[in-house]
């Protein structure tokens, strides 16, 4: 479809594409001429969001987790996406690889060591835990599992499932508003559809820019550890450009070639790094850390989910709300992609491969890397605290590699895995952005306009580079929280819609 269009003759939904695109262009332009002013302005918005919507992020995330569990064991789980005769186009392994690499991006690579170390050094006051103690170690792993486990994956799954159920019921265009069809009715107004899609698009672009910023920081940290004399500004710009060029080339080859093959390679590197880490590290301590993480996760689940003791606390704002806002910013448009590739699967299969399996993989990964980091930090607390405060969170994992005695091996594998991770995530997300922007969709939903992928990819790369240059990891956090606010309201509507579908499937879904 996209190959028939010239670059200046784009197949776009004008009232959806241009308002969001112009607003984002103005943001980039303003940040170039007044970078400090933009950061201060965005930080003010972030503070307002955290103070007024913190409970909303937590309670909605908890509700989505419970809804996923209820649907998994309900009769709705037998419903086949696309109809009873629909046949899947992707093998299970390819499907799992694409889902995993689309959803985690660079998150587990960047935060797997940095986040638990932060909790270990600076535990929340509402828990009355002493820093750098065994109690802090347990809480750190439990909080890490909470932020990267079944709750955040439920944030993706709820809109993705609702979209998939309606998208393949007829000749529908891939619009995010499809996921709230029970509330909009069978013939929603275009103005409502454009508004919902535009808000979701803005949320994803800011979320993607934040994730790319984390990826560039982590890659830069690795290269600077290997080559200390390199310049950070030039290095980060080159890394951003290479990532941009790679995922543009990959996305132009489509889902069943570029995205699938890159995801399979990425999955292989995830397993390779994890297995080598266990074999070359202290295997028994690592296994104990995984089990400790699950135990502490269960112990703290309700408290952290509902902010029973941490409401209004700075730790809750900086970690729980930040994480859920980040996932929510990605969720609306990522849901479009995940729903599109689920053709031919049952609802129960969808939940298994989009919720249970990837979340379990993330938790085991976090237990391996987070546990090892805490083991070293327990022995060398001052070294790790000094590194965290002076060199930033992106430097922590490389110190762990150094302490293990296998720095060069793991650093090179890790740098390559980070690169692949963001490329595959950006690949699928720009595919979804292009699908959403297209006025006319071809007969094959797996094909989208390559020109639109280039436009969105370039804009996201500019935003990410500007934010990390002028505000570092704070810029990543600011973008994630701001992108999550509009997504919060959209996901509330989706939650209600999927709840209505679960209550009465025959009313909303065709046989």
Protein backbone atom coordinates (compact mmCIF):
# COMPACT_ATOMS: atom_id res chain seq x y z
CA UNK A 1 0.00 0.00 0.00
CA UNK A 2 2.67 2.47 1.13
CA UNK A 3 4.92 1.70 -1.82
CA UNK A 4 2.48 3.31 -4.24
CA UNK A 5 2.69 6.70 -2.53
CA UNK A 6 5.37 9.30 -3.11
CA UNK A 7 6.88 10.90 -0.01
CA UNK A 8 4.87 14.12 -0.49
CA UNK A 9 1.63 12.36 -1.37
CA UNK A 10 0.95 10.73 1.94
CA UNK A 11 -2.04 8.52 2.61
CA UNK A 12 -2.99 10.18 5.92
CA UNK A 13 -5.98 10.99 8.11
CA UNK A 14 -5.56 14.77 8.08
CA UNK A 15 -7.51 15.68 11.21
CA UNK A 16 -5.71 12.98 13.14
CA UNK A 17 -2.17 13.33 11.79
CA UNK A 18 -1.53 17.08 11.48
CA UNK A 19 -2.62 18.39 14.94
CA UNK A 20 -0.43 15.88 16.77
CA UNK A 21 2.45 16.20 14.31
CA UNK A 22 2.50 20.03 14.45
CA UNK A 23 2.31 20.04 18.27
CA UNK A 24 5.27 17.67 18.49
CA UNK A 25 7.27 19.66 15.92
CA UNK A 26 6.68 22.83 17.94
CA UNK A 27 7.86 21.01 21.07
CA UNK A 28 11.08 20.00 19.35
CA UNK A 29 11.62 23.52 17.96
CA UNK A 30 10.98 25.15 21.33
CA UNK A 31 13.35 22.74 23.04
CA UNK A 32 16.12 23.69 20.59
CA UNK A 33 15.89 27.44 21.16
CA UNK A 34 14.98 27.36 24.87
CA UNK A 35 16.03 23.94 26.22
CA UNK A 36 16.16 24.96 29.89
CA UNK A 37 12.81 26.68 29.69
CA UNK A 38 11.20 23.61 28.13
CA UNK A 39 12.59 21.28 30.80
CA UNK A 40 11.35 23.57 33.60
CA UNK A 41 7.92 23.82 31.98
CA UNK A 42 7.65 20.05 31.53
CA UNK A 43 8.87 19.44 35.07
CA UNK A 44 6.04 21.66 36.36
CA UNK A 45 3.52 19.62 34.38
CA UNK A 46 5.05 16.42 35.71
CA UNK A 47 4.71 17.65 39.30
CA UNK A 48 1.05 18.50 38.78
CA UNK A 49 0.36 15.06 37.30
CA UNK A 50 2.09 13.22 40.12
CA UNK A 51 0.31 15.19 42.83
CA UNK A 52 -3.18 14.85 41.35
CA UNK A 53 -3.32 11.57 39.42
CA UNK A 54 -1.02 9.23 41.33
CA UNK A 55 -3.84 7.15 42.83
CA UNK A 56 -5.49 6.88 39.41
CA UNK A 57 -2.41 5.29 37.85
CA UNK A 58 -2.13 2.73 40.65
CA UNK A 59 -5.78 1.75 41.04
CA UNK A 60 -6.45 1.46 37.31
CA UNK A 61 -3.34 -0.71 36.88
CA UNK A 62 -4.53 -2.99 39.67
CA UNK A 63 -8.03 -3.21 38.16
CA UNK A 64 -6.60 -4.19 34.76
CA UNK A 65 -4.56 -6.97 36.36
CA UNK A 66 -7.63 -8.44 38.04
CA UNK A 67 -9.67 -8.14 34.83
CA UNK A 68 -7.02 -10.08 32.87
CA UNK A 69 -7.12 -12.90 35.41
CA UNK A 70 -10.92 -13.02 35.39
CA UNK A 71 -11.10 -13.14 31.58
CA UNK A 72 -8.41 -15.84 31.41
CA UNK A 73 -10.53 -18.29 33.43
CA UNK A 74 -13.90 -17.20 31.95
CA UNK A 75 -15.76 -18.61 28.92
CA UNK A 76 -14.65 -15.53 26.95
CA UNK A 77 -11.20 -17.17 26.89
CA UNK A 78 -12.49 -19.59 24.23
CA UNK A 79 -13.37 -16.81 21.77
CA UNK A 80 -11.19 -16.90 18.64
CA UNK A 81 -9.93 -13.54 17.36
CA UNK A 82 -11.01 -13.22 13.72
CA UNK A 83 -13.72 -15.88 13.89
CA UNK A 84 -13.84 -19.65 14.33
CA UNK A 85 -12.13 -20.28 10.96
CA UNK A 86 -9.29 -17.76 11.42
CA UNK A 87 -5.78 -19.23 11.07
CA UNK A 88 -2.73 -17.61 12.73
CA UNK A 89 -0.07 -16.12 10.44
CA UNK A 90 2.79 -16.35 12.94
CA UNK A 91 4.25 -19.40 14.65
CA UNK A 92 4.07 -19.37 18.45
CA UNK A 93 7.81 -18.81 18.92
CA UNK A 94 7.85 -15.91 16.44
CA UNK A 95 4.71 -14.48 18.05
CA UNK A 96 6.22 -14.66 21.53
CA UNK A 97 9.51 -13.11 20.34
CA UNK A 98 7.70 -10.18 18.69
CA UNK A 99 5.46 -9.59 21.73
CA UNK A 100 8.36 -9.72 24.19
CA UNK A 101 10.65 -7.45 22.17
CA UNK A 102 7.83 -5.01 21.40
CA UNK A 103 6.81 -4.59 25.02
CA UNK A 104 9.99 -4.54 27.09
CA UNK A 105 12.04 -2.30 24.74
CA UNK A 106 15.20 -1.47 26.71
CA UNK A 107 13.39 -1.39 30.05
CA UNK A 108 14.64 -4.62 31.61
CA UNK A 109 18.16 -3.96 30.33
CA UNK A 110 18.37 -0.42 31.68
CA UNK A 111 16.47 -0.78 34.96
CA UNK A 112 17.26 -4.42 35.86
CA UNK A 113 20.30 -3.33 37.89
CA UNK A 114 19.70 0.38 38.44
CA UNK A 115 16.23 0.18 40.01
CA UNK A 116 16.87 -2.41 42.75
CA UNK A 117 20.10 -0.64 43.66
CA UNK A 118 18.19 2.61 44.13
CA UNK A 119 15.67 0.88 46.44
CA UNK A 120 18.55 -0.76 48.33
CA UNK A 121 20.36 2.55 48.86
CA UNK A 122 17.26 4.72 49.37
CA UNK A 123 14.32 2.60 50.59
CA UNK A 124 10.95 4.33 51.03
CA UNK A 125 10.30 5.97 54.38
CA UNK A 126 6.83 4.41 54.68
CA UNK A 127 8.39 0.94 54.95
CA UNK A 128 10.73 1.83 57.85
CA UNK A 129 13.56 -0.22 56.33
CA UNK A 130 17.22 0.59 56.95
CA UNK A 131 19.27 1.19 53.81
CA UNK A 132 21.94 -1.30 52.71
CA UNK A 133 20.55 -4.16 54.83
CA UNK A 134 19.16 -7.62 54.11
CA UNK A 135 15.64 -6.23 54.62
CA UNK A 136 16.34 -3.57 51.99
CA UNK A 137 17.53 -6.30 49.61
CA UNK A 138 14.27 -8.22 49.94
CA UNK A 139 12.09 -5.16 49.52
CA UNK A 140 14.15 -4.01 46.52
CA UNK A 141 13.54 -7.26 44.64
CA UNK A 142 9.84 -7.28 45.53
CA UNK A 143 9.38 -3.72 44.31
CA UNK A 144 11.33 -4.50 41.15
CA UNK A 145 9.08 -7.49 40.43
CA UNK A 146 5.99 -5.38 41.07
CA UNK A 147 7.07 -2.70 38.60
CA UNK A 148 8.03 -5.18 35.84
CA UNK A 149 5.64 -8.09 36.32
CA UNK A 150 2.00 -8.94 35.73
CA UNK A 151 0.60 -5.48 36.49
CA UNK A 152 2.44 -3.55 33.75
CA UNK A 153 1.77 -6.29 31.21
CA UNK A 154 -1.93 -6.08 32.05
CA UNK A 155 -1.72 -2.40 31.05
CA UNK A 156 -0.76 -3.54 27.55
CA UNK A 157 -3.08 -6.53 27.35
CA UNK A 158 -6.40 -4.85 28.18
CA UNK A 159 -6.41 -2.35 25.27
CA UNK A 160 -4.73 -4.86 22.93
CA UNK A 161 -7.37 -7.52 23.55
CA UNK A 162 -10.27 -5.10 23.22
CA UNK A 163 -8.85 -3.74 19.95
CA UNK A 164 -8.21 -7.21 18.51
CA UNK A 165 -11.75 -8.40 19.24
CA UNK A 166 -13.29 -5.50 17.29
CA UNK A 167 -10.68 -5.02 14.57
CA UNK A 168 -11.23 -8.45 13.04
CA UNK A 169 -15.03 -8.35 13.24
CA UNK A 170 -15.31 -6.61 9.87
CA UNK A 171 -13.56 -4.24 7.49
CA UNK A 172 -12.43 -1.84 10.20
CA UNK A 173 -9.59 0.64 9.92
CA UNK A 174 -6.93 0.22 12.62
CA UNK A 175 -7.99 3.01 14.98
CA UNK A 176 -7.34 3.06 18.71
CA UNK A 177 -10.94 4.10 19.28
CA UNK A 178 -12.05 0.60 18.24
CA UNK A 179 -11.03 -0.61 21.71
CA UNK A 180 -13.78 1.53 23.28
CA UNK A 181 -16.50 0.51 20.82
CA UNK A 182 -18.94 -0.56 23.58
CA UNK A 183 -18.94 3.04 24.84
CA UNK A 184 -18.89 4.82 21.45
CA UNK A 185 -21.53 2.64 19.79
CA UNK A 186 -21.46 0.84 16.46
CA UNK A 187 -21.20 4.08 14.46
CA UNK A 188 -19.00 6.51 16.42
CA UNK A 189 -18.49 10.08 15.21
CA UNK A 190 -15.24 10.76 13.39
CA UNK A 191 -14.52 13.67 15.73
CA UNK A 192 -14.53 11.35 18.77
CA UNK A 193 -12.38 8.78 16.96
CA UNK A 194 -9.84 11.42 15.90
CA UNK A 195 -9.69 12.89 19.41
CA UNK A 196 -9.05 9.52 21.07
CA UNK A 197 -6.49 8.51 18.45
CA UNK A 198 -4.68 11.86 18.59
CA UNK A 199 -4.38 11.77 22.38
CA UNK A 200 -3.08 8.22 22.25
CA UNK A 201 -0.63 9.09 19.49
CA UNK A 202 0.84 11.98 21.50
CA UNK A 203 1.15 9.69 24.51
CA UNK A 204 3.04 7.04 22.55
CA UNK A 205 5.44 9.43 20.83
CA UNK A 206 6.48 10.95 24.16
CA UNK A 207 6.72 7.48 25.71
CA UNK A 208 8.83 6.19 22.81
CA UNK A 209 11.12 9.21 23.05
CA UNK A 210 11.57 8.51 26.77
CA UNK A 211 12.38 4.84 26.10
CA UNK A 212 14.81 5.72 23.32
CA UNK A 213 16.47 8.17 25.71
CA UNK A 214 16.96 5.35 28.24
CA UNK A 215 18.40 3.15 25.51
CA UNK A 216 20.83 5.78 24.28
CA UNK A 217 21.99 6.50 27.85
CA UNK A 218 22.58 2.81 28.51
CA UNK A 219 24.45 2.31 25.23
CA UNK A 220 26.53 5.44 25.87
CA UNK A 221 27.36 4.19 29.36
CA UNK A 222 28.66 0.94 27.90
CA UNK A 223 30.78 2.59 25.22
CA UNK A 224 32.22 5.12 27.66
CA UNK A 225 33.16 2.30 30.01
CA UNK A 226 35.02 0.65 27.13
CA UNK A 227 36.38 3.90 25.67
CA UNK A 228 36.51 6.60 28.42
CA UNK A 229 37.97 9.29 26.12
CA UNK A 230 34.92 9.44 23.82
CA UNK A 231 32.68 12.51 23.91
CA UNK A 232 29.22 11.88 25.36
CA UNK A 233 27.38 14.45 23.21
CA UNK A 234 28.77 13.21 19.91
CA UNK A 235 28.45 9.56 20.95
CA UNK A 236 24.78 9.87 21.93
CA UNK A 237 23.99 11.64 18.66
CA UNK A 238 25.67 8.91 16.60
CA UNK A 239 23.91 6.16 18.55
CA UNK A 240 20.52 7.83 18.07
CA UNK A 241 21.13 8.18 14.32
CA UNK A 242 22.22 4.55 13.90
CA UNK A 243 19.17 3.29 15.80
CA UNK A 244 16.93 5.47 13.64
CA UNK A 245 18.43 4.23 10.37
CA UNK A 246 18.31 0.59 11.45
CA UNK A 247 14.69 0.45 12.50
CA UNK A 248 13.57 2.45 9.45
CA UNK A 249 15.28 -0.10 7.17
CA UNK A 250 13.87 -3.01 9.16
CA UNK A 251 10.32 -1.66 9.37
CA UNK A 252 10.19 -1.16 5.60
CA UNK A 253 10.44 -4.94 5.15
CA UNK A 254 7.21 -5.59 7.07
CA UNK A 255 6.11 -7.62 10.10
CA UNK A 256 6.68 -11.12 8.71
CA UNK A 257 10.26 -10.40 7.65
CA UNK A 258 12.14 -7.56 9.36
CA UNK A 259 10.23 -7.34 12.65
CA UNK A 260 9.92 -11.11 13.06
CA UNK A 261 13.55 -11.88 12.25
CA UNK A 262 14.95 -9.08 14.42
CA UNK A 263 12.75 -10.19 17.32
CA UNK A 264 13.95 -13.79 17.06
CA UNK A 265 17.59 -12.65 17.08
CA UNK A 266 16.86 -10.38 20.02
CA UNK A 267 15.18 -13.22 21.94
CA UNK A 268 18.22 -15.43 21.29
CA UNK A 269 20.52 -12.78 22.79
CA UNK A 270 18.26 -12.38 25.84
CA UNK A 271 18.48 -16.10 26.57
CA UNK A 272 22.21 -16.22 25.80
CA UNK A 273 23.04 -13.38 28.20
CA UNK A 274 20.80 -14.75 30.98
CA UNK A 275 22.20 -18.29 30.71
CA UNK A 276 25.82 -17.10 30.62
CA UNK A 277 25.15 -14.83 33.59
CA UNK A 278 23.85 -17.75 35.65
CA UNK A 279 26.64 -20.12 34.58
CA UNK A 280 29.49 -17.63 35.09
CA UNK A 281 28.05 -16.03 38.23
CA UNK A 282 27.13 -17.49 41.61
CA UNK A 283 24.34 -19.79 40.39
CA UNK A 284 22.87 -20.65 43.79
CA UNK A 285 22.72 -17.02 44.91
CA UNK A 286 21.05 -16.05 41.63
CA UNK A 287 18.41 -18.78 41.98
CA UNK A 288 17.80 -17.73 45.59
CA UNK A 289 17.34 -14.12 44.44
CA UNK A 290 14.68 -15.16 41.91
CA UNK A 291 12.69 -17.01 44.59
CA UNK A 292 13.19 -14.15 47.07
CA UNK A 293 11.86 -11.72 44.47
CA UNK A 294 8.68 -13.74 43.94
CA UNK A 295 8.13 -14.09 47.69
CA UNK A 296 8.58 -10.37 48.37
CA UNK A 297 6.48 -9.54 45.31
CA UNK A 298 3.55 -11.44 46.77
CA UNK A 299 4.08 -9.92 50.21
CA UNK A 300 4.03 -6.32 48.94
CA UNK A 301 1.61 -6.68 46.03
CA UNK A 302 -1.56 -5.23 47.58
CA UNK A 303 0.25 -2.51 49.50
CA UNK A 304 2.12 -1.19 46.44
CA UNK A 305 -0.82 -1.73 44.06
CA UNK A 306 -3.29 0.31 46.10
CA UNK A 307 -0.82 2.70 47.77
CA UNK A 308 -2.07 1.55 51.18
CA UNK A 309 0.97 2.88 53.04
CA UNK A 310 2.81 4.88 50.37
CA UNK A 311 0.18 7.32 49.16
CA UNK A 312 1.68 10.76 48.53
CA UNK A 313 5.22 9.56 49.19
CA UNK A 314 8.01 10.73 46.90
CA UNK A 315 9.18 7.13 46.40
CA UNK A 316 5.73 6.20 45.08
CA UNK A 317 5.83 9.12 42.64
CA UNK A 318 9.36 8.39 41.47
CA UNK A 319 8.91 4.66 40.99
CA UNK A 320 5.41 3.16 40.95
CA UNK A 321 3.67 6.07 39.25
CA UNK A 322 6.61 6.67 36.92
CA UNK A 323 6.68 3.02 35.82
CA UNK A 324 2.95 2.74 35.25
CA UNK A 325 2.83 6.08 33.44
CA UNK A 326 5.62 4.84 31.18
CA UNK A 327 3.75 1.63 30.36
CA UNK A 328 0.50 3.52 29.85
CA UNK A 329 2.14 5.95 27.44
CA UNK A 330 3.14 3.03 25.23
CA UNK A 331 -0.04 1.02 25.73
CA UNK A 332 -2.61 2.56 23.33
CA UNK A 333 -0.61 2.32 20.11
CA UNK A 334 1.31 -0.79 21.16
CA UNK A 335 -2.12 -2.37 21.69
CA UNK A 336 -2.91 -1.73 18.05
CA UNK A 337 0.17 -3.68 16.96
CA UNK A 338 -0.29 -6.53 19.47
CA UNK A 339 -3.96 -6.85 18.53
CA UNK A 340 -3.16 -6.88 14.81
CA UNK A 341 -0.73 -9.82 15.03
CA UNK A 342 -3.09 -11.89 17.24
CA UNK A 343 -5.29 -12.97 14.32
CA UNK A 344 -6.43 -16.58 14.65
CA UNK A 345 -5.62 -16.94 18.36
CA UNK A 346 -8.10 -17.54 21.15
CA UNK A 347 -8.50 -14.97 23.90
CA UNK A 348 -6.89 -17.41 26.36
CA UNK A 349 -3.90 -17.89 24.04
CA UNK A 350 -3.69 -14.13 23.68
CA UNK A 351 -3.50 -13.66 27.44
CA UNK A 352 -0.96 -16.47 27.79
CA UNK A 353 1.42 -15.07 25.17
CA UNK A 354 0.89 -11.36 25.83
CA UNK A 355 0.51 -11.36 29.61
CA UNK A 356 1.61 -14.45 31.54
CA UNK A 357 4.67 -15.65 29.56
CA UNK A 358 6.38 -12.30 28.85
CA UNK A 359 5.76 -11.07 32.41
CA UNK A 360 7.21 -14.30 33.83
CA UNK A 361 10.25 -13.95 31.57
CA UNK A 362 10.77 -10.38 32.79
CA UNK A 363 10.57 -11.42 36.43
CA UNK A 364 13.14 -14.20 36.04
CA UNK A 365 15.44 -11.78 34.18
CA UNK A 366 15.01 -9.16 36.90
CA UNK A 367 15.73 -11.73 39.58
CA UNK A 368 18.96 -12.75 37.83
CA UNK A 369 20.34 -9.28 37.19
CA UNK A 370 18.77 -7.40 40.08
CA UNK A 371 19.77 -10.09 42.57
CA UNK A 372 23.38 -10.17 41.37
CA UNK A 373 23.60 -6.38 41.57
CA UNK A 374 22.32 -6.38 45.14
CA UNK A 375 24.76 -9.13 46.14
CA UNK A 376 27.70 -6.99 45.04
CA UNK A 377 26.17 -3.80 46.47
CA UNK A 378 25.74 -5.52 49.85
CA UNK A 379 29.50 -6.20 49.91
CA UNK A 380 30.59 -2.85 48.40
CA UNK A 381 27.79 -0.41 49.36
CA UNK A 382 29.88 2.77 49.23
CA UNK A 383 31.36 1.94 45.84
CA UNK A 384 27.94 1.33 44.31
CA UNK A 385 26.37 4.38 45.92
CA UNK A 386 29.17 6.63 44.70
CA UNK A 387 28.88 5.20 41.19
CA UNK A 388 25.10 5.57 41.18
CA UNK A 389 25.27 9.23 42.27
CA UNK A 390 28.23 10.34 40.13
CA UNK A 391 28.02 8.26 36.94
CA UNK A 392 24.25 7.67 36.78
CA UNK A 393 22.08 4.54 36.73
CA UNK A 394 23.29 3.57 33.24
CA UNK A 395 26.73 2.76 34.69
CA UNK A 396 25.63 0.18 37.28
CA UNK A 397 25.26 -2.93 35.12
CA UNK A 398 28.75 -2.42 33.70
CA UNK A 399 30.22 -2.32 37.21
CA UNK A 400 28.46 -5.63 37.89
CA UNK A 401 30.11 -7.12 34.80
CA UNK A 402 33.46 -5.83 36.07
CA UNK A 403 32.95 -7.34 39.53
CA UNK A 404 32.02 -10.68 37.96
CA UNK A 405 35.36 -10.71 36.12
CA UNK A 406 33.79 -10.96 32.64
CA UNK A 407 33.42 -7.31 31.72
CA UNK A 408 34.38 -7.39 28.03
CA UNK A 409 32.23 -10.42 27.23
CA UNK A 410 29.06 -9.18 28.91
CA UNK A 411 29.53 -5.50 28.01
CA UNK A 412 29.68 -6.28 24.30
CA UNK A 413 26.77 -8.70 24.41
CA UNK A 414 24.76 -6.23 26.48
CA UNK A 415 25.44 -3.29 24.16
CA UNK A 416 24.29 -5.33 21.18
CA UNK A 417 21.18 -6.54 23.06
CA UNK A 418 20.24 -2.97 24.02
CA UNK A 419 20.61 -1.86 20.42
CA UNK A 420 18.46 -4.71 19.12
CA UNK A 421 15.88 -4.20 21.86
CA UNK A 422 15.09 -0.63 21.00
CA UNK A 423 15.22 -1.24 17.26
CA UNK A 424 12.67 -4.06 17.50
CA UNK A 425 10.41 -2.08 19.84
CA UNK A 426 10.60 1.04 17.69
CA UNK A 427 10.07 -1.10 14.61
CA UNK A 428 6.71 -2.37 15.80
CA UNK A 429 5.65 0.94 17.34
CA UNK A 430 6.34 2.98 14.19
CA UNK A 431 4.42 0.31 12.27
CA UNK A 432 1.46 0.95 14.58
CA UNK A 433 1.85 4.74 14.26
CA UNK A 434 1.88 4.45 10.48
CA UNK A 435 -1.21 2.20 10.50
CA UNK A 436 -3.00 4.65 12.73
CA UNK A 437 -2.08 7.60 10.50
CA UNK A 438 -3.24 6.01 7.24
CA UNK A 439 -6.51 7.12 5.71
CA UNK A 440 -6.92 4.01 3.60
CA UNK A 441 -5.70 0.61 4.65
CA UNK A 442 -4.88 -2.15 2.17
CA UNK A 443 -6.35 -5.63 2.20
CA UNK A 444 -3.38 -6.95 4.18
CA UNK A 445 -3.36 -5.44 7.71
CA UNK A 446 0.29 -6.51 8.11
CA UNK A 447 1.40 -3.92 5.49
CA UNK A 448 1.76 -0.18 6.30
CA UNK A 449 3.13 2.99 4.70
CA UNK A 450 6.95 3.13 4.93
CA UNK A 451 7.03 6.92 4.46
CA UNK A 452 4.97 7.45 7.59
CA UNK A 453 7.28 5.16 9.56
CA UNK A 454 10.25 7.34 8.55
CA UNK A 455 8.47 10.54 9.57
CA UNK A 456 7.47 9.29 13.03
CA UNK A 457 10.80 7.59 13.64
CA UNK A 458 12.76 10.75 12.83
CA UNK A 459 10.61 12.94 15.08
CA UNK A 460 10.90 10.52 18.01
CA UNK A 461 14.69 10.32 17.63
CA UNK A 462 14.98 14.14 17.74
CA UNK A 463 12.85 14.39 20.88
CA UNK A 464 14.83 11.67 22.65
CA UNK A 465 18.23 13.15 21.86
CA UNK A 466 17.20 16.66 22.95
CA UNK A 467 15.83 15.43 26.26
CA UNK A 468 18.85 13.35 27.24
CA UNK A 469 21.27 16.10 26.23
CA UNK A 470 19.64 18.74 28.42
CA UNK A 471 18.22 16.71 31.30
CA UNK A 472 19.62 13.16 31.23
CA UNK A 473 17.55 10.49 32.97
CA UNK A 474 15.25 13.19 34.42
CA UNK A 475 14.20 14.01 30.87
CA UNK A 476 13.31 10.36 30.28
CA UNK A 477 11.17 10.33 33.42
CA UNK A 478 9.44 13.61 32.56
CA UNK A 479 8.49 12.44 29.06
CA UNK A 480 7.17 9.14 30.40
CA UNK A 481 4.94 10.71 33.07
CA UNK A 482 3.55 13.37 30.73
CA UNK A 483 2.85 10.80 28.03
CA UNK A 484 1.08 8.61 30.56
CA UNK A 485 -1.55 11.17 31.63
CA UNK A 486 -3.65 11.24 28.42
CA UNK A 487 -3.22 7.49 28.18
CA UNK A 488 -4.64 7.13 31.71
CA UNK A 489 -8.02 8.53 30.67
CA UNK A 490 -8.12 6.48 27.48
CA UNK A 491 -7.26 3.27 29.33
CA UNK A 492 -9.99 3.94 31.88
CA UNK A 493 -12.49 3.91 28.99
CA UNK A 494 -10.92 0.74 27.60
CA UNK A 495 -11.10 -0.95 31.00
CA UNK A 496 -14.83 -0.21 31.23
CA UNK A 497 -15.33 -1.40 27.63
CA UNK A 498 -13.57 -4.74 28.15
CA UNK A 499 -15.42 -5.22 31.44
CA UNK A 500 -18.72 -4.78 29.54
CA UNK A 501 -17.59 -7.31 26.93
CA UNK A 502 -16.76 -9.81 29.67
CA UNK A 503 -20.19 -9.30 31.28
CA UNK A 504 -22.10 -9.81 28.02
CA UNK A 505 -19.96 -11.02 25.07
CA UNK A 506 -22.92 -11.80 22.81
CA UNK A 507 -24.11 -8.20 22.95
CA UNK A 508 -20.90 -6.71 21.61
CA UNK A 509 -19.14 -9.47 19.67
CA UNK A 510 -20.26 -11.30 16.53
CA UNK A 511 -20.10 -15.11 16.41
